[in-house]
Amino acid sequence: MEANYGQVKGWQCQPLLKFLNLKHLFTGKASDLNLAKHQPTIFPEKSVDKNREILCKNFDLNYENLVVLPIAHTDNVLVLENEKNENQKPGHWDAVITQLTNVPILITAADCVPILLYSPEKKVLGLVHAGWKGTAAQIVEKAVIAMQENYMVRPSQIIAAIGPAIGQKHYEVSQDVADLLVQATESEKILNTSGTKPKADLKLANYLQLDKAGVMKIYVSDMDTALHTSVLYSHRIQGKRAGRQGLIACML
């Protein structure tokens, strides 16, 4: 469902709104709110920190505690045990799980799939960034496993929300990538092979991986970054003119 927080506009998963100790938002491009320091881009890097501060202020979250995941298209899952990340080895992660409260977490994307994982019973939060590389490496399944191993969360206790991402119509991939995605999902359903190049459905791929992992409540946004460029950034469509929207979430 659409959500409006002052300068910040986006979407929320309605079934998650009943949990008053969880705040979440899939942001859009309203007010040119680019949230990532990426290249190449037309957006000045110095504006990113200000935009993140605006996001937190409008969403009533503590900007000083904000943790931003350094996206690197990996299958690495960070177990966040303190807001300063002091006990973690340097590196890059595309997923994070935590039981921390009052620590907002932000992941960014411009076509890749942002995924929120939440266990209300165990009070465990997870955020996942799944591009084709992460999807091929089954990163969302690995995040579910990490929640099991670190916090004793059963997959059936997890609610998953798959946010705005590129749709199949505009997501042509090479045959090699298509083969990797089919192997990772064990399903040909994620591909449309009617054209000269296969087209992949990343949202469906991650849905199937969540289902395989045992997650029973999975909600999928119908917002397509490539089709809805008036409200969302799309790297495939806009190139360097594409900023990065985000998924921000925080337990209270």
Protein backbone atom coordinates (compact mmCIF):
# COMPACT_ATOMS: atom_id res chain seq x y z
CA MET A 1 0.00 0.00 0.00
CA GLU A 2 1.13 3.57 -0.66
CA ALA A 3 2.58 5.52 2.25
CA ASN A 4 3.33 9.21 2.69
CA TYR A 5 5.66 10.61 5.35
CA GLY A 6 6.18 14.27 4.49
CA GLN A 7 8.91 14.50 1.84
CA VAL A 8 9.22 10.73 1.80
CA LYS A 9 6.80 8.60 -0.19
CA GLY A 10 6.81 4.89 -0.74
CA TRP A 11 5.07 1.62 -0.06
CA GLN A 12 4.43 -0.61 2.93
CA CYS A 13 3.37 -4.23 3.32
CA GLN A 14 -0.05 -3.91 4.95
CA PRO A 15 0.03 -7.21 6.93
CA LEU A 16 3.18 -5.97 8.70
CA LEU A 17 1.58 -2.73 9.90
CA LYS A 18 -0.20 -4.49 12.76
CA PHE A 19 3.15 -5.05 14.47
CA LEU A 20 3.60 -1.79 16.34
CA ASN A 21 7.21 -2.58 17.25
CA LEU A 22 8.24 -2.68 13.57
CA LYS A 23 8.59 0.24 11.17
CA HIS A 24 9.32 -0.34 7.50
CA LEU A 25 9.15 1.50 4.20
CA PHE A 26 10.06 0.75 0.60
CA THR A 27 10.97 4.23 -0.64
CA GLY A 28 10.52 5.77 -4.08
CA LYS A 29 12.12 8.67 -5.95
CA ALA A 30 9.92 11.46 -4.58
CA SER A 31 11.92 14.65 -3.96
CA ASP A 32 14.87 13.06 -5.85
CA LEU A 33 15.63 11.10 -2.70
CA ASN A 34 18.66 9.18 -3.94
CA LEU A 35 19.92 7.07 -1.02
CA ALA A 36 23.15 5.52 -2.34
CA LYS A 37 26.69 6.62 -3.15
CA HIS A 38 27.13 4.85 -6.46
CA GLN A 39 28.87 5.38 -9.81
CA PRO A 40 28.25 6.42 -12.52
CA THR A 41 25.57 8.87 -11.47
CA ILE A 42 24.37 12.43 -11.94
CA PHE A 43 23.62 12.75 -8.22
CA PRO A 44 26.22 14.50 -6.03
CA GLU A 45 27.59 12.21 -3.36
CA LYS A 46 27.39 14.92 -0.72
CA SER A 47 23.59 14.94 -0.98
CA VAL A 48 23.23 11.26 -0.05
CA ASP A 49 23.88 11.66 3.68
CA LYS A 50 21.41 14.54 3.77
CA ASN A 51 18.80 12.44 1.98
CA ARG A 52 19.29 9.60 4.45
CA GLU A 53 18.86 12.07 7.29
CA ILE A 54 15.66 13.38 5.69
CA LEU A 55 14.38 9.82 5.37
CA CYS A 56 15.01 9.06 9.04
CA LYS A 57 13.59 12.39 10.23
CA ASN A 58 10.38 12.06 8.23
CA PHE A 59 9.98 8.44 9.31
CA ASP A 60 10.70 9.33 12.96
CA LEU A 61 13.84 7.20 13.25
CA ASN A 62 17.22 7.98 14.83
CA TYR A 63 19.60 8.93 12.02
CA GLU A 64 22.60 8.65 14.34
CA ASN A 65 21.93 4.91 14.68
CA LEU A 66 21.36 4.28 10.97
CA VAL A 67 23.16 1.25 9.52
CA VAL A 68 23.53 1.23 5.73
CA LEU A 69 24.40 -2.07 4.12
CA PRO A 70 27.34 -1.78 1.65
CA ILE A 71 25.76 -3.46 -1.37
CA ALA A 72 28.21 -5.65 -3.31
CA HIS A 73 26.07 -8.32 -5.04
CA THR A 74 27.31 -11.06 -2.73
CA ASP A 75 25.62 -13.87 -0.82
CA ASN A 76 27.02 -12.66 2.51
CA VAL A 77 24.68 -12.30 5.50
CA LEU A 78 25.64 -9.92 8.32
CA VAL A 79 24.56 -10.79 11.86
CA LEU A 80 24.27 -7.31 13.36
CA GLU A 81 24.90 -7.47 17.10
CA ASN A 82 25.53 -3.81 17.88
CA GLU A 83 24.72 -0.60 16.05
CA LYS A 84 28.36 0.32 15.51
CA ASN A 85 29.12 -3.08 13.97
CA GLU A 86 32.27 -3.19 16.11
CA ASN A 87 32.70 -6.95 16.29
CA GLN A 88 32.31 -7.64 12.58
CA LYS A 89 35.12 -8.24 10.13
CA PRO A 90 35.40 -5.67 7.32
CA GLY A 91 33.57 -6.70 4.20
CA HIS A 92 30.46 -6.40 2.12
CA TRP A 93 27.04 -7.89 2.74
CA ASP A 94 23.79 -7.98 0.83
CA ALA A 95 21.70 -9.25 3.73
CA VAL A 96 21.51 -8.46 7.42
CA ILE A 97 19.68 -10.00 10.37
CA THR A 98 19.37 -8.57 13.88
CA GLN A 99 17.49 -8.43 17.16
CA LEU A 100 18.60 -4.87 17.86
CA THR A 101 15.96 -2.24 18.58
CA ASN A 102 16.07 1.45 17.66
CA VAL A 103 18.67 0.73 14.98
CA PRO A 104 17.31 1.65 11.52
CA ILE A 105 18.75 -0.46 8.70
CA LEU A 106 18.82 0.66 5.07
CA ILE A 107 19.47 -1.27 1.88
CA THR A 108 19.38 0.38 -1.54
CA ALA A 109 18.44 -0.78 -5.04
CA ALA A 110 17.38 0.47 -8.46
CA ASP A 111 16.09 -2.75 -10.08
CA CYS A 112 17.29 -5.46 -7.69
CA VAL A 113 14.87 -7.04 -5.25
CA PRO A 114 14.59 -5.61 -1.71
CA ILE A 115 13.20 -8.15 0.75
CA LEU A 116 12.06 -7.69 4.34
CA LEU A 117 12.03 -10.68 6.70
CA TYR A 118 10.40 -10.43 10.13
CA SER A 119 9.64 -12.87 12.91
CA PRO A 120 7.16 -11.32 15.36
CA GLU A 121 7.51 -14.29 17.73
CA LYS A 122 11.30 -14.04 18.04
CA LYS A 123 11.59 -10.29 17.37
CA VAL A 124 14.12 -10.81 14.59
CA LEU A 125 14.45 -8.54 11.56
CA GLY A 126 16.14 -9.25 8.25
CA LEU A 127 16.77 -7.20 5.11
CA VAL A 128 17.97 -8.71 1.84
CA HIS A 129 19.22 -7.18 -1.42
CA ALA A 130 18.87 -9.70 -4.24
CA GLY A 131 20.16 -8.89 -7.71
CA TRP A 132 20.67 -11.69 -10.20
CA LYS A 133 23.98 -12.63 -8.60
CA GLY A 134 22.51 -12.79 -5.12
CA THR A 135 19.47 -14.65 -6.39
CA ALA A 136 21.66 -17.16 -8.22
CA ALA A 137 23.60 -17.60 -4.97
CA GLN A 138 20.32 -18.05 -3.05
CA ILE A 139 20.97 -15.18 -0.68
CA VAL A 140 17.42 -14.99 0.64
CA GLU A 141 17.52 -18.68 1.59
CA LYS A 142 20.84 -18.07 3.33
CA ALA A 143 19.29 -15.21 5.29
CA VAL A 144 16.48 -17.51 6.44
CA ILE A 145 19.03 -20.14 7.48
CA ALA A 146 21.02 -17.48 9.36
CA MET A 147 17.87 -16.50 11.27
CA GLN A 148 17.43 -20.16 12.22
CA GLU A 149 21.03 -20.69 13.27
CA ASN A 150 21.53 -17.44 15.17
CA TYR A 151 18.12 -16.73 16.66
CA MET A 152 16.25 -20.06 16.63
CA VAL A 153 13.66 -18.71 14.19
CA ARG A 154 11.63 -21.35 12.37
CA PRO A 155 10.92 -20.47 8.72
CA SER A 156 7.20 -20.78 9.43
CA GLN A 157 7.58 -17.89 11.92
CA ILE A 158 8.91 -15.53 9.25
CA ILE A 159 6.83 -13.02 7.30
CA ALA A 160 8.44 -11.93 4.03
CA ALA A 161 7.72 -8.81 1.98
CA ILE A 162 9.21 -8.54 -1.51
CA GLY A 163 9.36 -4.91 -2.56
CA PRO A 164 9.42 -2.99 -5.85
CA ALA A 165 11.89 -4.40 -8.39
CA ILE A 166 12.30 -4.78 -12.12
CA GLY A 167 9.68 -6.92 -13.81
CA GLN A 168 10.26 -9.70 -16.28
CA LYS A 169 9.23 -7.65 -19.32
CA HIS A 170 12.34 -5.46 -19.16
CA TYR A 171 14.81 -7.87 -17.58
CA GLU A 172 16.69 -9.56 -20.41
CA VAL A 173 19.58 -11.75 -19.30
CA SER A 174 22.20 -13.87 -21.01
CA GLN A 175 21.62 -17.59 -21.39
CA ASP A 176 24.34 -18.25 -18.82
CA VAL A 177 22.58 -16.07 -16.25
CA ALA A 178 19.23 -17.65 -17.10
CA ASP A 179 20.71 -21.10 -16.51
CA LEU A 180 22.11 -20.05 -13.13
CA LEU A 181 18.75 -18.63 -12.04
CA VAL A 182 16.88 -21.76 -13.11
CA GLN A 183 19.37 -23.89 -11.22
CA ALA A 184 19.00 -21.70 -8.11
CA THR A 185 15.21 -21.86 -8.15
CA GLU A 186 14.74 -25.33 -9.63
CA SER A 187 12.07 -23.84 -11.87
CA GLU A 188 11.72 -22.79 -15.50
CA LYS A 189 8.73 -20.64 -14.50
CA ILE A 190 11.00 -17.69 -13.82
CA LEU A 191 11.93 -17.38 -17.51
CA ASN A 192 10.19 -16.08 -20.60
CA THR A 193 12.04 -17.54 -23.58
CA SER A 194 9.73 -16.35 -26.34
CA GLY A 195 12.11 -13.60 -27.51
CA THR A 196 15.67 -13.49 -28.78
CA LYS A 197 16.98 -13.39 -25.21
CA PRO A 198 15.52 -14.95 -22.07
CA LYS A 199 13.79 -12.63 -19.62
CA ALA A 200 13.94 -13.41 -15.92
CA ASP A 201 11.45 -12.72 -13.14
CA LEU A 202 13.60 -11.91 -10.10
CA LYS A 203 10.66 -11.35 -7.78
CA LEU A 204 9.23 -14.77 -8.62
CA ALA A 205 12.67 -16.35 -8.25
CA ASN A 206 13.01 -15.02 -4.72
CA TYR A 207 9.44 -15.98 -3.91
CA LEU A 208 10.20 -19.56 -4.94
CA GLN A 209 13.37 -19.59 -2.86
CA LEU A 210 11.49 -18.32 0.20
CA ASP A 211 8.82 -20.95 -0.34
CA LYS A 212 11.47 -23.65 -0.66
CA ALA A 213 13.07 -22.42 2.58
CA GLY A 214 9.77 -22.94 4.40
CA VAL A 215 8.51 -19.36 4.65
CA MET A 216 4.74 -19.52 4.43
CA LYS A 217 3.66 -15.87 4.48
CA ILE A 218 5.16 -14.12 1.47
CA TYR A 219 3.82 -10.83 0.12
CA VAL A 220 4.97 -9.48 -3.25
CA SER A 221 4.74 -5.88 -4.46
CA ASP A 222 3.36 -5.41 -7.96
CA MET A 223 5.44 -2.25 -8.44
CA ASP A 224 7.86 -2.61 -11.37
CA THR A 225 10.84 -0.25 -11.38
CA ALA A 226 11.11 -0.36 -15.18
CA LEU A 227 7.42 0.41 -15.73
CA HIS A 228 6.92 2.96 -12.97
CA THR A 229 9.87 5.29 -13.58
CA SER A 230 7.82 8.33 -12.57
CA VAL A 231 7.93 7.12 -8.96
CA LEU A 232 10.84 4.63 -8.91
CA TYR A 233 14.44 4.55 -10.08
CA SER A 234 15.45 1.94 -12.68
CA HIS A 235 19.07 1.43 -13.68
CA ARG A 236 18.02 -0.59 -16.74
CA ILE A 237 15.84 2.23 -18.04
CA GLN A 238 17.54 5.38 -16.74
CA GLY A 239 21.22 4.44 -16.65
CA LYS A 240 23.34 6.97 -14.78
CA ARG A 241 20.25 9.13 -14.26
CA ALA A 242 18.93 6.46 -11.91
CA GLY A 243 19.35 7.11 -8.23
CA ARG A 244 18.72 4.42 -5.66
CA GLN A 245 15.58 3.92 -3.62
CA GLY A 246 15.69 1.91 -0.44
CA LEU A 247 14.14 -0.39 2.07
CA ILE A 248 14.42 0.96 5.59
CA ALA A 249 13.27 -1.00 8.62
CA CYS A 250 13.66 -0.76 12.37
CA MET A 251 12.37 -2.59 15.43
CA LEU A 252 11.28 -0.40 18.33
